[in-house]
Amino acid sequence: MHTDNNPDEPVTASDYLTTILHDATSSRLLETLVLCSPPVVFRKLWSTYFVQSGRLQKLAVHPVANFVVAKCAIRLDAEDFKEAVGELEGAWIKMRSECCPGSRFRQ
């Protein structure tokens, strides 16, 4: 991910990084990258891997990727956080049922 020349230039998603999002061991590395990367790099990660075409809902309910999503939420500004919560609005019950299978909140 090269951002030195033009931080507004779109980045193509990498299949390798997408795989890391779903791997129980490797996702810890991505969590660290999300927390420690400079703001411009985090913005590229967020816009490329999490908010495009409904990916956030799928990642938020994934048993591994949801931890990376949670680390991203820590870094979001108020506007982006509000958008993320809005995008997840339809997934709250599913997230709850995935997290707590015996919960009374299951559909």
C-alpha atoms as a PDB file:
ATOM      1  CA  MET A   1       0.000   0.000   0.000  1.00  0.00           C
ATOM      2  CA  HIS A   2       1.865   3.055  -1.237  1.00  0.00           C
ATOM      3  CA  THR A   3       0.455   6.387  -0.054  1.00  0.00           C
ATOM      4  CA  ASP A   4       3.389   8.800  -0.328  1.00  0.00           C
ATOM      5  CA  ASN A   5       2.563  10.345  -3.700  1.00  0.00           C
ATOM      6  CA  ASN A   6      -1.172  10.926  -3.424  1.00  0.00           C
ATOM      7  CA  PRO A   7      -3.028  10.003  -0.218  1.00  0.00           C
ATOM      8  CA  ASP A   8      -6.381  10.422  -1.996  1.00  0.00           C
ATOM      9  CA  GLU A   9      -5.536   7.922  -4.736  1.00  0.00           C
ATOM     10  CA  PRO A  10      -7.683   4.769  -4.458  1.00  0.00           C
ATOM     11  CA  VAL A  11      -5.950   1.523  -3.543  1.00  0.00           C
ATOM     12  CA  THR A  12      -6.825  -1.863  -5.012  1.00  0.00           C
ATOM     13  CA  ALA A  13      -7.692  -4.460  -2.377  1.00  0.00           C
ATOM     14  CA  SER A  14      -5.193  -7.272  -1.962  1.00  0.00           C
ATOM     15  CA  ASP A  15      -6.431 -10.861  -1.807  1.00  0.00           C
ATOM     16  CA  TYR A  16      -3.603 -11.583   0.626  1.00  0.00           C
ATOM     17  CA  LEU A  17      -4.762  -8.942   3.111  1.00  0.00           C
ATOM     18  CA  THR A  18      -8.361 -10.097   2.731  1.00  0.00           C
ATOM     19  CA  THR A  19      -7.211 -13.625   3.636  1.00  0.00           C
ATOM     20  CA  ILE A  20      -5.389 -12.285   6.700  1.00  0.00           C
ATOM     21  CA  LEU A  21      -8.657 -10.713   7.868  1.00  0.00           C
ATOM     22  CA  HIS A  22     -10.244 -14.168   8.087  1.00  0.00           C
ATOM     23  CA  ASP A  23      -7.339 -16.129   9.589  1.00  0.00           C
ATOM     24  CA  ALA A  24      -7.334 -16.571  13.370  1.00  0.00           C
ATOM     25  CA  THR A  25      -3.568 -16.211  13.719  1.00  0.00           C
ATOM     26  CA  SER A  26      -2.752 -13.649  11.036  1.00  0.00           C
ATOM     27  CA  SER A  27      -5.622 -11.335  11.913  1.00  0.00           C
ATOM     28  CA  ARG A  28      -3.721 -10.370  15.075  1.00  0.00           C
ATOM     29  CA  LEU A  29      -1.083  -8.793  12.830  1.00  0.00           C
ATOM     30  CA  LEU A  30      -3.776  -6.816  11.050  1.00  0.00           C
ATOM     31  CA  GLU A  31      -5.189  -5.671  14.404  1.00  0.00           C
ATOM     32  CA  THR A  32      -1.742  -4.314  15.275  1.00  0.00           C
ATOM     33  CA  LEU A  33      -1.425  -2.604  11.891  1.00  0.00           C
ATOM     34  CA  VAL A  34      -4.830  -0.971  12.367  1.00  0.00           C
ATOM     35  CA  LEU A  35      -3.889   0.328  15.809  1.00  0.00           C
ATOM     36  CA  CYS A  36      -0.321   1.449  15.053  1.00  0.00           C
ATOM     37  CA  SER A  37      -0.444   2.691  11.468  1.00  0.00           C
ATOM     38  CA  PRO A  38      -0.241   6.397  10.649  1.00  0.00           C
ATOM     39  CA  PRO A  39      -3.624   8.043  10.052  1.00  0.00           C
ATOM     40  CA  VAL A  40      -3.251   8.133   6.253  1.00  0.00           C
ATOM     41  CA  VAL A  41      -2.508   4.388   6.137  1.00  0.00           C
ATOM     42  CA  PHE A  42      -5.403   3.577   8.466  1.00  0.00           C
ATOM     43  CA  ARG A  43      -7.768   5.611   6.262  1.00  0.00           C
ATOM     44  CA  LYS A  44      -6.631   3.586   3.225  1.00  0.00           C
ATOM     45  CA  LEU A  45      -7.136   0.295   5.064  1.00  0.00           C
ATOM     46  CA  TRP A  46     -10.560   1.376   6.292  1.00  0.00           C
ATOM     47  CA  SER A  47     -11.805   2.625   2.934  1.00  0.00           C
ATOM     48  CA  THR A  48     -10.339  -0.273   0.948  1.00  0.00           C
ATOM     49  CA  TYR A  49     -11.177  -3.271   3.122  1.00  0.00           C
ATOM     50  CA  PHE A  50     -14.085  -2.369   5.377  1.00  0.00           C
ATOM     51  CA  VAL A  51     -16.562   0.116   3.923  1.00  0.00           C
ATOM     52  CA  GLN A  52     -16.804  -0.932   0.302  1.00  0.00           C
ATOM     53  CA  SER A  53     -20.014  -2.592  -0.888  1.00  0.00           C
ATOM     54  CA  GLY A  54     -21.405  -3.831   2.402  1.00  0.00           C
ATOM     55  CA  ARG A  55     -18.221  -5.543   3.565  1.00  0.00           C
ATOM     56  CA  LEU A  56     -18.499  -4.112   7.065  1.00  0.00           C
ATOM     57  CA  GLN A  57     -21.593  -6.165   7.917  1.00  0.00           C
ATOM     58  CA  LYS A  58     -19.998  -9.385   6.668  1.00  0.00           C
ATOM     59  CA  LEU A  59     -16.770  -8.728   8.532  1.00  0.00           C
ATOM     60  CA  ALA A  60     -18.561  -7.692  11.722  1.00  0.00           C
ATOM     61  CA  VAL A  61     -20.336 -11.058  11.992  1.00  0.00           C
ATOM     62  CA  HIS A  62     -17.306 -13.128  10.972  1.00  0.00           C
ATOM     63  CA  PRO A  63     -15.902 -15.072  13.972  1.00  0.00           C
ATOM     64  CA  VAL A  64     -12.356 -13.782  13.349  1.00  0.00           C
ATOM     65  CA  ALA A  65     -12.638 -10.583  11.314  1.00  0.00           C
ATOM     66  CA  ASN A  66     -14.947  -8.984  13.891  1.00  0.00           C
ATOM     67  CA  PHE A  67     -11.947  -8.442  16.166  1.00  0.00           C
ATOM     68  CA  VAL A  68     -10.204  -6.399  13.475  1.00  0.00           C
ATOM     69  CA  VAL A  69     -13.420  -4.412  12.930  1.00  0.00           C
ATOM     70  CA  ALA A  70     -13.492  -3.651  16.667  1.00  0.00           C
ATOM     71  CA  LYS A  71      -9.917  -2.327  16.530  1.00  0.00           C
ATOM     72  CA  CYS A  72     -10.883  -0.156  13.566  1.00  0.00           C
ATOM     73  CA  ALA A  73     -13.792   1.307  15.529  1.00  0.00           C
ATOM     74  CA  ILE A  74     -11.300   2.639  18.055  1.00  0.00           C
ATOM     75  CA  ARG A  75      -9.581   4.693  15.337  1.00  0.00           C
ATOM     76  CA  LEU A  76     -12.657   6.097  13.593  1.00  0.00           C
ATOM     77  CA  ASP A  77     -13.549   9.749  13.915  1.00  0.00           C
ATOM     78  CA  ALA A  78     -17.085  10.685  14.976  1.00  0.00           C
ATOM     79  CA  GLU A  79     -18.428  10.966  11.424  1.00  0.00           C
ATOM     80  CA  ASP A  80     -17.005   7.637  10.251  1.00  0.00           C
ATOM     81  CA  PHE A  81     -18.134   5.931  13.447  1.00  0.00           C
ATOM     82  CA  LYS A  82     -21.677   7.190  12.895  1.00  0.00           C
ATOM     83  CA  GLU A  83     -21.608   5.865   9.308  1.00  0.00           C
ATOM     84  CA  ALA A  84     -20.284   2.492  10.494  1.00  0.00           C
ATOM     85  CA  VAL A  85     -23.016   2.162  13.111  1.00  0.00           C
ATOM     86  CA  GLY A  86     -25.588   3.037  10.451  1.00  0.00           C
ATOM     87  CA  GLU A  87     -24.203   0.410   8.094  1.00  0.00           C
ATOM     88  CA  LEU A  88     -24.305  -2.188  10.850  1.00  0.00           C
ATOM     89  CA  GLU A  89     -27.881  -1.350  11.811  1.00  0.00           C
ATOM     90  CA  GLY A  90     -29.312  -4.362  10.006  1.00  0.00           C
ATOM     91  CA  ALA A  91     -26.704  -6.734  11.410  1.00  0.00           C
ATOM     92  CA  TRP A  92     -27.003  -6.205  15.188  1.00  0.00           C
ATOM     93  CA  ILE A  93     -29.311  -9.163  15.811  1.00  0.00           C
ATOM     94  CA  LYS A  94     -27.187 -11.446  13.656  1.00  0.00           C
ATOM     95  CA  MET A  95     -24.025 -10.320  15.447  1.00  0.00           C
ATOM     96  CA  ARG A  96     -25.672 -10.984  18.805  1.00  0.00           C
ATOM     97  CA  SER A  97     -26.865 -14.448  17.785  1.00  0.00           C
ATOM     98  CA  GLU A  98     -23.427 -15.354  16.348  1.00  0.00           C
ATOM     99  CA  CYS A  99     -21.723 -14.181  19.519  1.00  0.00           C
ATOM    100  CA  CYS A 100     -24.153 -15.750  21.987  1.00  0.00           C
ATOM    101  CA  PRO A 101     -25.916 -18.749  20.396  1.00  0.00           C
ATOM    102  CA  GLY A 102     -28.102 -19.410  23.429  1.00  0.00           C
ATOM    103  CA  SER A 103     -29.201 -15.816  23.698  1.00  0.00           C
ATOM    104  CA  ARG A 104     -32.877 -14.855  23.845  1.00  0.00           C
ATOM    105  CA  PHE A 105     -32.086 -12.261  21.155  1.00  0.00           C
ATOM    106  CA  ARG A 106     -31.864 -14.851  18.391  1.00  0.00           C
ATOM    107  CA  GLN A 107     -34.257 -14.440  15.508  1.00  0.00           C
END
